[in-house]
N, C-alpha and C. Protein backbone atom coordinates (compact mmCIF):
# COMPACT_ATOMS: atom_id res chain seq x y z
N MET A 1 -32.97 -14.27 -7.50
CA MET A 1 -32.01 -13.60 -8.35
C MET A 1 -31.91 -14.40 -9.65
N PRO A 2 -31.86 -13.71 -10.80
CA PRO A 2 -31.72 -14.43 -12.07
C PRO A 2 -30.40 -15.18 -12.12
N PRO A 3 -30.36 -16.30 -12.79
CA PRO A 3 -29.16 -17.14 -12.78
C PRO A 3 -27.98 -16.56 -13.55
N ASN A 4 -28.18 -15.58 -14.43
CA ASN A 4 -27.06 -15.09 -15.22
C ASN A 4 -26.34 -13.89 -14.59
N LEU A 5 -26.76 -13.45 -13.43
CA LEU A 5 -26.06 -12.37 -12.74
C LEU A 5 -24.94 -12.94 -11.88
N PRO A 6 -23.76 -12.28 -11.87
CA PRO A 6 -22.66 -12.81 -11.05
C PRO A 6 -22.95 -12.65 -9.57
N THR A 7 -22.49 -13.58 -8.80
CA THR A 7 -22.62 -13.50 -7.34
C THR A 7 -21.30 -13.01 -6.76
N ASP A 8 -21.30 -12.73 -5.47
CA ASP A 8 -20.08 -12.27 -4.81
C ASP A 8 -18.99 -13.33 -4.85
N GLN A 9 -19.36 -14.58 -4.85
CA GLN A 9 -18.36 -15.65 -4.83
C GLN A 9 -17.71 -15.83 -6.19
N GLY A 10 -18.38 -15.46 -7.26
CA GLY A 10 -17.84 -15.67 -8.59
C GLY A 10 -17.04 -14.50 -9.12
N GLN A 11 -17.00 -13.39 -8.43
CA GLN A 11 -16.29 -12.21 -8.92
C GLN A 11 -14.80 -12.34 -8.65
N GLN A 12 -14.01 -11.93 -9.64
CA GLN A 12 -12.57 -11.90 -9.46
C GLN A 12 -12.12 -10.45 -9.50
N THR A 13 -11.15 -10.15 -8.68
CA THR A 13 -10.61 -8.80 -8.64
C THR A 13 -9.29 -8.76 -9.38
N LEU A 14 -8.81 -7.56 -9.65
CA LEU A 14 -7.55 -7.39 -10.35
C LEU A 14 -6.38 -7.85 -9.48
N PHE A 15 -6.43 -7.53 -8.19
CA PHE A 15 -5.38 -7.93 -7.26
C PHE A 15 -6.00 -8.72 -6.12
N PRO A 16 -5.27 -9.74 -5.63
CA PRO A 16 -5.77 -10.48 -4.47
C PRO A 16 -5.79 -9.60 -3.22
N ARG A 17 -6.46 -10.09 -2.21
CA ARG A 17 -6.62 -9.34 -0.96
C ARG A 17 -5.28 -9.01 -0.32
N ARG A 18 -4.33 -9.93 -0.38
CA ARG A 18 -3.01 -9.71 0.22
C ARG A 18 -2.30 -8.52 -0.44
N ASN A 19 -2.42 -8.41 -1.75
CA ASN A 19 -1.78 -7.31 -2.45
C ASN A 19 -2.42 -5.97 -2.10
N VAL A 20 -3.73 -5.96 -1.94
CA VAL A 20 -4.43 -4.73 -1.57
C VAL A 20 -4.00 -4.28 -0.18
N ILE A 21 -3.85 -5.23 0.73
CA ILE A 21 -3.40 -4.90 2.09
C ILE A 21 -1.97 -4.37 2.06
N LEU A 22 -1.10 -5.01 1.26
CA LEU A 22 0.28 -4.53 1.14
C LEU A 22 0.33 -3.13 0.52
N PHE A 23 -0.54 -2.88 -0.44
CA PHE A 23 -0.60 -1.56 -1.06
C PHE A 23 -1.04 -0.52 -0.03
N ALA A 24 -2.00 -0.86 0.80
CA ALA A 24 -2.46 0.06 1.84
C ALA A 24 -1.35 0.33 2.85
N VAL A 25 -0.60 -0.71 3.21
CA VAL A 25 0.52 -0.53 4.14
C VAL A 25 1.60 0.35 3.50
N ALA A 26 1.85 0.16 2.21
CA ALA A 26 2.83 0.99 1.51
C ALA A 26 2.40 2.45 1.50
N LEU A 27 1.13 2.69 1.22
CA LEU A 27 0.64 4.07 1.22
C LEU A 27 0.71 4.68 2.62
N ALA A 28 0.40 3.90 3.64
CA ALA A 28 0.48 4.40 5.01
C ALA A 28 1.93 4.70 5.39
N THR A 29 2.86 3.87 4.94
CA THR A 29 4.29 4.09 5.23
C THR A 29 4.79 5.36 4.54
N VAL A 30 4.40 5.54 3.29
CA VAL A 30 4.80 6.75 2.57
C VAL A 30 4.17 7.98 3.23
N GLY A 31 2.91 7.87 3.60
CA GLY A 31 2.26 8.98 4.28
C GLY A 31 2.92 9.31 5.60
N ALA A 32 3.31 8.29 6.34
CA ALA A 32 4.02 8.52 7.60
C ALA A 32 5.38 9.16 7.35
N GLY A 33 6.03 8.75 6.27
CA GLY A 33 7.32 9.35 5.93
C GLY A 33 7.20 10.84 5.64
N TYR A 34 6.18 11.20 4.87
CA TYR A 34 5.98 12.63 4.59
C TYR A 34 5.54 13.39 5.84
N ALA A 35 4.78 12.75 6.70
CA ALA A 35 4.37 13.40 7.95
C ALA A 35 5.58 13.66 8.85
N VAL A 36 6.46 12.68 8.96
CA VAL A 36 7.67 12.85 9.76
C VAL A 36 8.56 13.91 9.13
N LEU A 37 8.63 13.93 7.80
CA LEU A 37 9.45 14.92 7.11
C LEU A 37 8.94 16.34 7.35
N SER A 38 7.63 16.48 7.43
CA SER A 38 7.07 17.81 7.64
C SER A 38 7.33 18.34 9.06
N LEU A 39 7.63 17.43 10.00
CA LEU A 39 7.94 17.87 11.36
C LEU A 39 9.28 18.59 11.45
N GLY A 40 10.20 18.17 10.58
CA GLY A 40 11.53 18.79 10.60
C GLY A 40 12.30 18.38 11.84
N SER A 41 13.09 19.27 12.35
CA SER A 41 13.86 19.12 13.58
C SER A 41 14.63 17.81 13.68
N GLY A 42 15.46 17.51 12.68
CA GLY A 42 16.35 16.36 12.78
C GLY A 42 15.72 15.01 12.50
N SER A 43 14.51 14.97 12.01
CA SER A 43 13.88 13.68 11.75
C SER A 43 13.95 13.29 10.28
N ALA A 44 14.89 13.87 9.56
CA ALA A 44 15.03 13.58 8.13
C ALA A 44 15.49 12.14 7.90
N GLU A 45 16.27 11.59 8.81
CA GLU A 45 16.74 10.21 8.65
C GLU A 45 15.58 9.24 8.75
N ALA A 46 14.73 9.41 9.73
CA ALA A 46 13.58 8.52 9.89
C ALA A 46 12.62 8.67 8.71
N ALA A 47 12.43 9.89 8.25
CA ALA A 47 11.54 10.13 7.12
C ALA A 47 12.08 9.48 5.86
N SER A 48 13.37 9.59 5.64
CA SER A 48 13.95 8.99 4.44
C SER A 48 13.86 7.48 4.47
N VAL A 49 14.06 6.88 5.63
CA VAL A 49 13.93 5.43 5.75
C VAL A 49 12.48 5.00 5.45
N LEU A 50 11.51 5.71 6.01
CA LEU A 50 10.11 5.37 5.76
C LEU A 50 9.76 5.53 4.28
N LEU A 51 10.23 6.59 3.65
CA LEU A 51 9.93 6.81 2.25
C LEU A 51 10.58 5.76 1.35
N VAL A 52 11.82 5.42 1.62
CA VAL A 52 12.49 4.40 0.81
C VAL A 52 11.83 3.05 0.98
N VAL A 53 11.50 2.69 2.20
CA VAL A 53 10.83 1.41 2.43
C VAL A 53 9.46 1.38 1.74
N GLY A 54 8.74 2.49 1.84
CA GLY A 54 7.42 2.54 1.22
C GLY A 54 7.47 2.48 -0.27
N TYR A 55 8.34 3.31 -0.88
CA TYR A 55 8.40 3.39 -2.34
C TYR A 55 9.19 2.26 -2.98
N CYS A 56 10.29 1.86 -2.39
CA CYS A 56 11.20 0.92 -3.04
C CYS A 56 11.04 -0.54 -2.60
N VAL A 57 10.36 -0.77 -1.51
CA VAL A 57 10.20 -2.16 -1.03
C VAL A 57 8.73 -2.56 -1.06
N LEU A 58 7.89 -1.87 -0.31
CA LEU A 58 6.51 -2.30 -0.14
C LEU A 58 5.65 -2.10 -1.40
N LEU A 59 5.78 -0.96 -2.03
CA LEU A 59 4.96 -0.70 -3.21
C LEU A 59 5.25 -1.67 -4.36
N PRO A 60 6.51 -1.89 -4.73
CA PRO A 60 6.75 -2.90 -5.78
C PRO A 60 6.34 -4.31 -5.35
N PHE A 61 6.54 -4.63 -4.10
CA PHE A 61 6.14 -5.95 -3.62
C PHE A 61 4.63 -6.13 -3.70
N ALA A 62 3.89 -5.07 -3.43
CA ALA A 62 2.43 -5.15 -3.51
C ALA A 62 1.97 -5.33 -4.94
N LEU A 63 2.70 -4.79 -5.89
CA LEU A 63 2.29 -4.90 -7.29
C LEU A 63 2.73 -6.22 -7.93
N ILE A 64 3.87 -6.75 -7.49
CA ILE A 64 4.43 -7.96 -8.11
C ILE A 64 3.95 -9.23 -7.42
N ALA A 65 3.93 -9.25 -6.11
CA ALA A 65 3.64 -10.48 -5.37
C ALA A 65 2.22 -10.95 -5.56
C-alpha cells in the first residue's frame, strides 16, 4: 500500500463509538415508543415514557456526550 493513503487506525470519525451506540439506542427507543403507540388499547402511558426518554434524554446525550 502506498504510504500516503490513510489506514483504518489513522481515520477519525465525527462521533466516537460510544455516541454512535447511544444514538442507535435512542432511535430504537423512539421506534419502540411509536410501535407501542400504534398498538393503542391503553398503552399511551408506556409509549409517552419511551418517546420522552428517547427524544429528551438519550438523543441529546448521544449528541453532547
